[in-house]
Amino acid sequence: MLSSDSGVRDKNIKLLGTVDANCPYCNLKLERKPGRKKKCPSCSNYIYVRTRPQDRKKVLLREDQLIALEEQWAKVNGTHDHFLSKQTQLKSVSVKLQKRFGKEPSKNDIQWSILNDDGLTHIQNKDWGLYRNTRYSMSEILRKEGKHLQSIDLLLEVCTLDLSGAQNRGGFDDPIL
């Protein structure tokens, strides 16, 4: 278990990442420690920059270490149950999409499916503010995939919801209407 005290760590929790300015993949000495995600000039793998919960130090991580670090933070923050629930949901959706596509789905495909389900739930509950946030997240996925016109279409929907004063109704109708 991690201790919530800053700088204190349990000896059973593995320290992830490297504090030095070295690539966590190929150990290349970098000119300087990056402050955000960056590709290694030698091996071309992405180097991720995060803070470790045990000692609050900025560390360089491999992609395969990100989930483990998130789990450590979830334990520290008291949100480990939510983290495990989210991981179960991601796995479940991944399996469902893999059966449907006949191949491993991308992270964006998995996220899109979850957002679609969330959007339908928000519509049923008349939670228009949450629906707006879901549509915005979907536009970001499209933007990152280079599908700019489709992203703009969703952003126009988001603007319409913003201008109309979308609110979360929690499944209740407005008695005035």
C-alpha atoms as a PDB file:
ATOM      1  CA  MET A   1       0.000   0.000   0.000  1.00  0.00           C
ATOM      2  CA  LEU A   2       1.054   3.543  -0.651  1.00  0.00           C
ATOM      3  CA  SER A   3       1.077   6.061   2.106  1.00  0.00           C
ATOM      4  CA  SER A   4      -0.812   9.292   1.530  1.00  0.00           C
ATOM      5  CA  ASP A   5       2.043  11.208   3.169  1.00  0.00           C
ATOM      6  CA  SER A   6       4.134  13.009   0.582  1.00  0.00           C
ATOM      7  CA  GLY A   7       7.512  11.412   0.060  1.00  0.00           C
ATOM      8  CA  VAL A   8       6.678   8.225   1.972  1.00  0.00           C
ATOM      9  CA  ARG A   9       6.295   4.942   0.128  1.00  0.00           C
ATOM     10  CA  ASP A  10       5.664   1.319   0.930  1.00  0.00           C
ATOM     11  CA  LYS A  11       8.562  -0.950   0.062  1.00  0.00           C
ATOM     12  CA  ASN A  12       6.165  -3.356  -1.727  1.00  0.00           C
ATOM     13  CA  ILE A  13       5.301  -0.813  -4.448  1.00  0.00           C
ATOM     14  CA  LYS A  14       7.700  -0.762  -7.371  1.00  0.00           C
ATOM     15  CA  LEU A  15       9.136   2.621  -8.333  1.00  0.00           C
ATOM     16  CA  LEU A  16       8.276   3.141 -11.983  1.00  0.00           C
ATOM     17  CA  GLY A  17      10.141   5.195 -14.535  1.00  0.00           C
ATOM     18  CA  THR A  18      13.505   6.839 -14.539  1.00  0.00           C
ATOM     19  CA  VAL A  19      14.416  10.128 -12.901  1.00  0.00           C
ATOM     20  CA  ASP A  20      17.466  10.596 -15.152  1.00  0.00           C
ATOM     21  CA  ALA A  21      17.336  12.155 -18.612  1.00  0.00           C
ATOM     22  CA  ASN A  22      17.628   8.721 -20.240  1.00  0.00           C
ATOM     23  CA  CYS A  23      15.210   7.096 -22.674  1.00  0.00           C
ATOM     24  CA  PRO A  24      13.256   4.420 -20.740  1.00  0.00           C
ATOM     25  CA  TYR A  25      13.373   2.165 -23.834  1.00  0.00           C
ATOM     26  CA  CYS A  26      16.931   2.318 -25.200  1.00  0.00           C
ATOM     27  CA  ASN A  27      18.641   4.174 -22.306  1.00  0.00           C
ATOM     28  CA  LEU A  28      19.953   6.898 -24.650  1.00  0.00           C
ATOM     29  CA  LYS A  29      21.231   9.905 -22.698  1.00  0.00           C
ATOM     30  CA  LEU A  30      18.939  12.778 -23.737  1.00  0.00           C
ATOM     31  CA  GLU A  31      20.217  16.349 -24.096  1.00  0.00           C
ATOM     32  CA  ARG A  32      17.785  17.374 -21.392  1.00  0.00           C
ATOM     33  CA  LYS A  33      14.903  15.806 -19.526  1.00  0.00           C
ATOM     34  CA  PRO A  34      11.665  16.369 -21.462  1.00  0.00           C
ATOM     35  CA  GLY A  35       8.805  18.191 -19.776  1.00  0.00           C
ATOM     36  CA  ARG A  36       6.089  16.397 -21.744  1.00  0.00           C
ATOM     37  CA  LYS A  37       5.550  13.461 -24.093  1.00  0.00           C
ATOM     38  CA  LYS A  38       8.317  13.242 -26.667  1.00  0.00           C
ATOM     39  CA  LYS A  39       9.721  10.780 -29.187  1.00  0.00           C
ATOM     40  CA  CYS A  40      13.170   9.409 -28.481  1.00  0.00           C
ATOM     41  CA  PRO A  41      15.582  10.596 -31.208  1.00  0.00           C
ATOM     42  CA  SER A  42      17.253   7.162 -31.215  1.00  0.00           C
ATOM     43  CA  CYS A  43      14.513   4.500 -30.984  1.00  0.00           C
ATOM     44  CA  SER A  44      11.507   6.707 -31.987  1.00  0.00           C
ATOM     45  CA  ASN A  45       9.373   5.406 -29.104  1.00  0.00           C
ATOM     46  CA  TYR A  46       7.261   7.871 -27.157  1.00  0.00           C
ATOM     47  CA  ILE A  47       8.666   8.859 -23.776  1.00  0.00           C
ATOM     48  CA  TYR A  48       5.960   9.833 -21.282  1.00  0.00           C
ATOM     49  CA  VAL A  49       6.489  12.274 -18.427  1.00  0.00           C
ATOM     50  CA  ARG A  50       4.522  11.754 -15.221  1.00  0.00           C
ATOM     51  CA  THR A  51       4.844  12.300 -11.470  1.00  0.00           C
ATOM     52  CA  ARG A  52       5.312   9.276  -9.225  1.00  0.00           C
ATOM     53  CA  PRO A  53       3.011   9.119  -6.192  1.00  0.00           C
ATOM     54  CA  GLN A  54       5.660   7.660  -3.864  1.00  0.00           C
ATOM     55  CA  ASP A  55       8.162  10.510  -4.014  1.00  0.00           C
ATOM     56  CA  ARG A  56       6.392  13.112  -6.204  1.00  0.00           C
ATOM     57  CA  LYS A  57       9.314  13.100  -8.666  1.00  0.00           C
ATOM     58  CA  LYS A  58       8.893  13.667 -12.389  1.00  0.00           C
ATOM     59  CA  VAL A  59       9.844  10.466 -14.169  1.00  0.00           C
ATOM     60  CA  LEU A  60      10.192   9.238 -17.745  1.00  0.00           C
ATOM     61  CA  LEU A  61       8.043   6.220 -18.568  1.00  0.00           C
ATOM     62  CA  ARG A  62       7.430   3.701 -21.317  1.00  0.00           C
ATOM     63  CA  GLU A  63       3.886   3.412 -22.644  1.00  0.00           C
ATOM     64  CA  ASP A  64       3.457   0.006 -20.997  1.00  0.00           C
ATOM     65  CA  GLN A  65       4.129   1.582 -17.574  1.00  0.00           C
ATOM     66  CA  LEU A  66       1.361   4.219 -17.751  1.00  0.00           C
ATOM     67  CA  ILE A  67      -1.490   2.009 -16.503  1.00  0.00           C
ATOM     68  CA  ALA A  68       0.584   0.753 -13.574  1.00  0.00           C
ATOM     69  CA  LEU A  69       1.372   4.345 -12.559  1.00  0.00           C
ATOM     70  CA  GLU A  70      -2.308   5.322 -12.878  1.00  0.00           C
ATOM     71  CA  GLU A  71      -3.186   2.431 -10.595  1.00  0.00           C
ATOM     72  CA  GLN A  72      -0.635   3.581  -8.027  1.00  0.00           C
ATOM     73  CA  TRP A  73      -2.184   7.053  -8.087  1.00  0.00           C
ATOM     74  CA  ALA A  74      -5.681   5.557  -7.751  1.00  0.00           C
ATOM     75  CA  LYS A  75      -4.555   3.758  -4.597  1.00  0.00           C
ATOM     76  CA  VAL A  76      -3.112   6.971  -3.157  1.00  0.00           C
ATOM     77  CA  ASN A  77      -6.214   8.998  -4.053  1.00  0.00           C
ATOM     78  CA  GLY A  78      -8.671   6.414  -2.719  1.00  0.00           C
ATOM     79  CA  THR A  79     -10.172   5.821  -6.166  1.00  0.00           C
ATOM     80  CA  HIS A  80      -8.801   2.330  -6.745  1.00  0.00           C
ATOM     81  CA  ASP A  81     -12.278   0.745  -6.974  1.00  0.00           C
ATOM     82  CA  HIS A  82     -13.259   3.248  -9.688  1.00  0.00           C
ATOM     83  CA  PHE A  83      -9.968   2.570 -11.503  1.00  0.00           C
ATOM     84  CA  LEU A  84     -10.589  -1.195 -11.464  1.00  0.00           C
ATOM     85  CA  SER A  85     -14.165  -0.681 -12.649  1.00  0.00           C
ATOM     86  CA  LYS A  86     -12.957   1.472 -15.555  1.00  0.00           C
ATOM     87  CA  GLN A  87     -10.316  -1.126 -16.505  1.00  0.00           C
ATOM     88  CA  THR A  88     -12.998  -3.849 -16.496  1.00  0.00           C
ATOM     89  CA  GLN A  89     -15.209  -1.695 -18.730  1.00  0.00           C
ATOM     90  CA  LEU A  90     -12.334  -1.057 -21.158  1.00  0.00           C
ATOM     91  CA  LYS A  91     -11.561  -4.784 -21.356  1.00  0.00           C
ATOM     92  CA  SER A  92     -15.224  -5.691 -21.855  1.00  0.00           C
ATOM     93  CA  VAL A  93     -15.683  -3.162 -24.657  1.00  0.00           C
ATOM     94  CA  SER A  94     -12.404  -4.263 -26.234  1.00  0.00           C
ATOM     95  CA  VAL A  95     -13.553  -7.915 -26.316  1.00  0.00           C
ATOM     96  CA  LYS A  96     -16.948  -6.914 -27.758  1.00  0.00           C
ATOM     97  CA  LEU A  97     -15.344  -4.819 -30.502  1.00  0.00           C
ATOM     98  CA  GLN A  98     -12.757  -7.478 -31.261  1.00  0.00           C
ATOM     99  CA  LYS A  99     -15.569  -9.966 -31.933  1.00  0.00           C
ATOM    100  CA  ARG A 100     -17.363  -7.414 -34.110  1.00  0.00           C
ATOM    101  CA  PHE A 101     -14.295  -6.243 -36.085  1.00  0.00           C
ATOM    102  CA  GLY A 102     -12.449  -9.556 -36.201  1.00  0.00           C
ATOM    103  CA  LYS A 103      -9.281  -7.786 -35.059  1.00  0.00           C
ATOM    104  CA  GLU A 104      -7.904  -5.876 -32.083  1.00  0.00           C
ATOM    105  CA  PRO A 105      -9.717  -2.511 -31.792  1.00  0.00           C
ATOM    106  CA  SER A 106      -7.746   0.707 -31.458  1.00  0.00           C
ATOM    107  CA  LYS A 107      -7.817   2.738 -28.254  1.00  0.00           C
ATOM    108  CA  ASN A 108      -9.907   5.331 -30.092  1.00  0.00           C
ATOM    109  CA  ASP A 109     -12.425   2.672 -31.187  1.00  0.00           C
ATOM    110  CA  ILE A 110     -12.811   1.557 -27.583  1.00  0.00           C
ATOM    111  CA  GLN A 111     -13.158   5.129 -26.312  1.00  0.00           C
ATOM    112  CA  TRP A 112     -15.644   5.978 -29.095  1.00  0.00           C
ATOM    113  CA  SER A 113     -17.837   3.007 -28.168  1.00  0.00           C
ATOM    114  CA  ILE A 114     -17.849   4.007 -24.492  1.00  0.00           C
ATOM    115  CA  LEU A 115     -18.662   7.624 -25.383  1.00  0.00           C
ATOM    116  CA  ASN A 116     -21.506   6.471 -27.648  1.00  0.00           C
ATOM    117  CA  ASP A 117     -23.030   4.444 -24.796  1.00  0.00           C
ATOM    118  CA  ASP A 118     -22.534   7.359 -22.393  1.00  0.00           C
ATOM    119  CA  GLY A 119     -24.218   9.734 -24.845  1.00  0.00           C
ATOM    120  CA  LEU A 120     -27.295   7.518 -25.099  1.00  0.00           C
ATOM    121  CA  THR A 121     -27.520   7.309 -21.314  1.00  0.00           C
ATOM    122  CA  HIS A 122     -27.254  11.109 -21.032  1.00  0.00           C
ATOM    123  CA  ILE A 123     -30.056  11.556 -23.588  1.00  0.00           C
ATOM    124  CA  GLN A 124     -32.320   9.129 -21.698  1.00  0.00           C
ATOM    125  CA  ASN A 125     -31.644  10.999 -18.445  1.00  0.00           C
ATOM    126  CA  LYS A 126     -32.027  14.406 -20.097  1.00  0.00           C
ATOM    127  CA  ASP A 127     -28.532  15.289 -18.908  1.00  0.00           C
ATOM    128  CA  TRP A 128     -27.776  17.666 -21.765  1.00  0.00           C
ATOM    129  CA  GLY A 129     -24.694  19.191 -20.156  1.00  0.00           C
ATOM    130  CA  LEU A 130     -23.093  15.747 -19.834  1.00  0.00           C
ATOM    131  CA  TYR A 131     -24.232  14.899 -23.360  1.00  0.00           C
ATOM    132  CA  ARG A 132     -22.508  18.068 -24.576  1.00  0.00           C
ATOM    133  CA  ASN A 133     -19.266  17.035 -22.844  1.00  0.00           C
ATOM    134  CA  THR A 134     -19.491  13.573 -24.420  1.00  0.00           C
ATOM    135  CA  ARG A 135     -19.934  15.052 -27.908  1.00  0.00           C
ATOM    136  CA  TYR A 136     -16.958  17.346 -27.299  1.00  0.00           C
ATOM    137  CA  SER A 137     -14.816  14.344 -26.314  1.00  0.00           C
ATOM    138  CA  MET A 138     -15.918  12.590 -29.497  1.00  0.00           C
ATOM    139  CA  SER A 139     -14.900  15.643 -31.559  1.00  0.00           C
ATOM    140  CA  GLU A 140     -11.441  15.489 -29.955  1.00  0.00           C
ATOM    141  CA  ILE A 141     -11.020  11.867 -31.040  1.00  0.00           C
ATOM    142  CA  LEU A 142     -11.926  12.829 -34.608  1.00  0.00           C
ATOM    143  CA  ARG A 143      -9.547  15.798 -34.524  1.00  0.00           C
ATOM    144  CA  LYS A 144      -6.669  13.624 -33.347  1.00  0.00           C
ATOM    145  CA  GLU A 145      -7.438  11.154 -36.152  1.00  0.00           C
ATOM    146  CA  GLY A 146      -7.257  13.972 -38.705  1.00  0.00           C
ATOM    147  CA  LYS A 147     -11.004  13.840 -39.457  1.00  0.00           C
ATOM    148  CA  HIS A 148     -11.363  17.591 -39.186  1.00  0.00           C
ATOM    149  CA  LEU A 149     -14.684  18.103 -40.988  1.00  0.00           C
ATOM    150  CA  GLN A 150     -16.417  15.462 -38.858  1.00  0.00           C
ATOM    151  CA  SER A 151     -14.832  17.016 -35.772  1.00  0.00           C
ATOM    152  CA  ILE A 152     -16.175  20.435 -36.761  1.00  0.00           C
ATOM    153  CA  ASP A 153     -19.661  18.946 -37.232  1.00  0.00           C
ATOM    154  CA  LEU A 154     -19.612  17.737 -33.640  1.00  0.00           C
ATOM    155  CA  LEU A 155     -18.182  21.048 -32.412  1.00  0.00           C
ATOM    156  CA  LEU A 156     -21.086  22.854 -34.079  1.00  0.00           C
ATOM    157  CA  GLU A 157     -23.442  20.575 -32.156  1.00  0.00           C
ATOM    158  CA  VAL A 158     -21.522  21.401 -28.960  1.00  0.00           C
ATOM    159  CA  CYS A 159     -21.853  25.142 -29.713  1.00  0.00           C
ATOM    160  CA  THR A 160     -25.591  24.719 -30.265  1.00  0.00           C
ATOM    161  CA  LEU A 161     -25.925  22.981 -26.923  1.00  0.00           C
ATOM    162  CA  ASP A 162     -23.837  25.702 -25.265  1.00  0.00           C
ATOM    163  CA  LEU A 163     -25.951  28.467 -26.782  1.00  0.00           C
ATOM    164  CA  SER A 164     -29.185  26.764 -25.762  1.00  0.00           C
ATOM    165  CA  GLY A 165     -28.041  26.594 -22.137  1.00  0.00           C
ATOM    166  CA  ALA A 166     -27.910  22.799 -21.917  1.00  0.00           C
ATOM    167  CA  GLN A 167     -28.370  21.590 -18.354  1.00  0.00           C
ATOM    168  CA  ASN A 168     -28.459  18.253 -16.596  1.00  0.00           C
ATOM    169  CA  ARG A 169     -32.038  17.370 -15.703  1.00  0.00           C
ATOM    170  CA  GLY A 170     -31.373  14.024 -14.020  1.00  0.00           C
ATOM    171  CA  GLY A 171     -34.298  12.428 -15.862  1.00  0.00           C
ATOM    172  CA  PHE A 172     -36.791  15.093 -14.771  1.00  0.00           C
ATOM    173  CA  ASP A 173     -38.862  17.204 -17.127  1.00  0.00           C
ATOM    174  CA  ASP A 174     -39.222  20.934 -16.597  1.00  0.00           C
ATOM    175  CA  PRO A 175     -42.699  21.436 -15.060  1.00  0.00           C
ATOM    176  CA  ILE A 176     -43.028  24.824 -16.788  1.00  0.00           C
ATOM    177  CA  LEU A 177     -42.832  23.328 -20.281  1.00  0.00           C
END
